[in-house]
Amino acid sequence: MAKKFTDSLRGYAYNVLKRDDFTCRYCGLNGKESFNNWLTLSWDHLLPKGSEQRDNPDFIVAACNFCNTADNKYFDKALKEGKSFENLTPEELVEKRKIAVEKTRKSYNEFWTEYVVK
């Protein structure tokens, strides 16, 4: 990349998105399938604020905007329940987070089915 960009898609998150093949690690949305899909991509930290490894690119993954914000209280809830994120691999952290994301997606799908496409 010759030009320097400051946004996430072309700038600071680009290497993470590229590493993850421009695919949301939670729902599988493929940013290569369409420009509109690509526009929804962002990145997601797998560790809570204050964690030593939080900003390590190994602990940041590609995520579509919905999955990234699907459960904004995920870390707060998990920490209140006494769950720890330390000493887990990025893959294990994705699988833990995916459970919360899928629950939220299911709830939205039910609403969409009942009120949007009925």
Protein backbone atom coordinates (compact mmCIF):
# COMPACT_ATOMS: atom_id res chain seq x y z
CA MET A 1 0.00 0.00 0.00
CA ALA A 2 1.70 3.12 -1.20
CA LYS A 3 -0.67 5.70 0.30
CA LYS A 4 -1.17 6.01 4.06
CA PHE A 5 -4.79 5.96 5.25
CA THR A 6 -6.11 6.68 8.74
CA ASP A 7 -9.46 4.83 8.55
CA SER A 8 -9.91 1.22 9.60
CA LEU A 9 -10.68 -0.39 6.23
CA ARG A 10 -7.68 1.03 4.41
CA GLY A 11 -5.50 1.99 7.37
CA TYR A 12 -4.99 0.71 10.89
CA ALA A 13 -7.15 -2.45 10.61
CA TYR A 14 -6.15 -3.39 7.07
CA ASN A 15 -3.49 -5.96 8.04
CA VAL A 16 -5.87 -7.72 10.44
CA LEU A 17 -8.66 -7.73 7.85
CA LYS A 18 -6.28 -9.07 5.21
CA ARG A 19 -4.95 -11.76 7.57
CA ASP A 20 -8.54 -12.88 8.19
CA ASP A 21 -9.20 -12.86 4.43
CA PHE A 22 -11.65 -9.95 4.79
CA THR A 23 -14.11 -12.29 6.52
CA CYS A 24 -15.96 -11.72 9.79
CA ARG A 25 -14.63 -14.25 12.29
CA TYR A 26 -18.04 -14.55 13.95
CA CYS A 27 -20.66 -14.79 11.20
CA GLY A 28 -18.51 -15.42 8.12
CA LEU A 29 -19.58 -12.34 6.15
CA ASN A 30 -17.19 -12.19 3.21
CA GLY A 31 -15.89 -8.73 2.41
CA LYS A 32 -14.59 -9.94 -0.94
CA GLU A 33 -18.08 -10.90 -2.16
CA SER A 34 -19.24 -7.33 -2.56
CA PHE A 35 -18.23 -3.75 -1.97
CA ASN A 36 -21.17 -3.36 0.43
CA ASN A 37 -19.95 -6.32 2.50
CA TRP A 38 -16.44 -4.90 2.60
CA LEU A 39 -17.80 -1.57 3.83
CA THR A 40 -19.28 -3.28 6.90
CA LEU A 41 -15.96 -4.73 8.06
CA SER A 42 -14.13 -3.54 11.13
CA TRP A 43 -11.96 -5.15 13.74
CA ASP A 44 -12.75 -6.49 17.17
CA HIS A 45 -10.55 -6.77 20.25
CA LEU A 46 -10.68 -10.22 21.82
CA LEU A 47 -9.49 -8.99 25.22
CA PRO A 48 -10.99 -6.39 27.56
CA LYS A 49 -9.50 -2.96 28.19
CA GLY A 50 -6.57 -3.17 30.56
CA SER A 51 -5.40 -6.53 29.27
CA GLU A 52 -1.70 -6.55 28.43
CA GLN A 53 -2.25 -8.22 25.04
CA ARG A 54 -5.37 -6.24 24.02
CA ASP A 55 -3.67 -4.29 21.24
CA ASN A 56 -1.56 -7.20 20.01
CA PRO A 57 -2.82 -7.89 16.43
CA ASP A 58 -2.94 -11.61 17.31
CA PHE A 59 -5.77 -10.72 19.70
CA ILE A 60 -7.73 -8.58 17.23
CA VAL A 61 -9.93 -10.11 14.53
CA ALA A 62 -11.96 -9.05 11.51
CA ALA A 63 -15.61 -8.48 12.35
CA CYS A 64 -18.57 -7.00 10.55
CA ASN A 65 -20.07 -3.98 12.27
CA PHE A 66 -23.07 -5.94 13.55
CA CYS A 67 -21.02 -8.70 15.16
CA ASN A 68 -18.55 -6.18 16.54
CA THR A 69 -21.33 -4.37 18.41
CA ALA A 70 -23.74 -7.30 18.90
CA ASP A 71 -23.10 -7.42 22.63
CA ASN A 72 -21.32 -4.24 23.69
CA LYS A 73 -21.46 -5.33 27.33
CA TYR A 74 -19.82 -8.69 26.62
CA PHE A 75 -16.64 -8.04 28.61
CA ASP A 76 -18.47 -6.36 31.49
CA LYS A 77 -20.91 -9.26 31.80
CA ALA A 78 -18.21 -11.92 31.54
CA LEU A 79 -15.95 -10.26 34.09
CA LYS A 80 -18.89 -9.85 36.52
CA GLU A 81 -19.52 -13.58 36.14
CA GLY A 82 -15.89 -14.20 37.06
CA LYS A 83 -14.84 -15.34 33.61
CA SER A 84 -11.22 -14.85 32.66
CA PHE A 85 -9.80 -14.16 29.23
CA GLU A 86 -6.16 -14.60 30.17
CA ASN A 87 -4.14 -17.56 28.91
CA LEU A 88 -6.64 -18.32 26.14
CA THR A 89 -5.64 -18.52 22.50
CA PRO A 90 -7.20 -16.13 19.98
CA GLU A 91 -9.19 -19.06 18.57
CA GLU A 92 -10.58 -19.90 22.02
CA LEU A 93 -11.49 -16.25 22.57
CA VAL A 94 -13.30 -16.10 19.22
CA GLU A 95 -15.31 -19.20 20.12
CA LYS A 96 -16.30 -17.72 23.50
CA ARG A 97 -17.35 -14.42 21.94
CA LYS A 98 -19.13 -16.17 19.06
CA ILE A 99 -21.63 -17.67 21.53
CA ALA A 100 -22.73 -14.19 22.66
CA VAL A 101 -22.76 -12.85 19.10
CA GLU A 102 -24.87 -15.75 17.82
CA LYS A 103 -27.38 -15.28 20.64
CA THR A 104 -27.79 -11.62 19.72
CA ARG A 105 -27.99 -12.39 15.98
CA LYS A 106 -30.71 -14.98 16.68
CA SER A 107 -32.74 -12.41 18.59
CA TYR A 108 -32.42 -9.93 15.72
CA ASN A 109 -33.31 -12.62 13.19
CA GLU A 110 -36.48 -13.43 15.10
CA PHE A 111 -37.47 -9.75 15.10
CA TRP A 112 -36.64 -9.40 11.40
CA THR A 113 -38.68 -12.48 10.55
CA GLU A 114 -41.69 -11.35 12.55
CA TYR A 115 -41.77 -7.63 11.84
CA VAL A 116 -39.77 -6.90 8.71
CA VAL A 117 -40.39 -9.67 6.19
CA LYS A 118 -43.77 -10.97 7.34
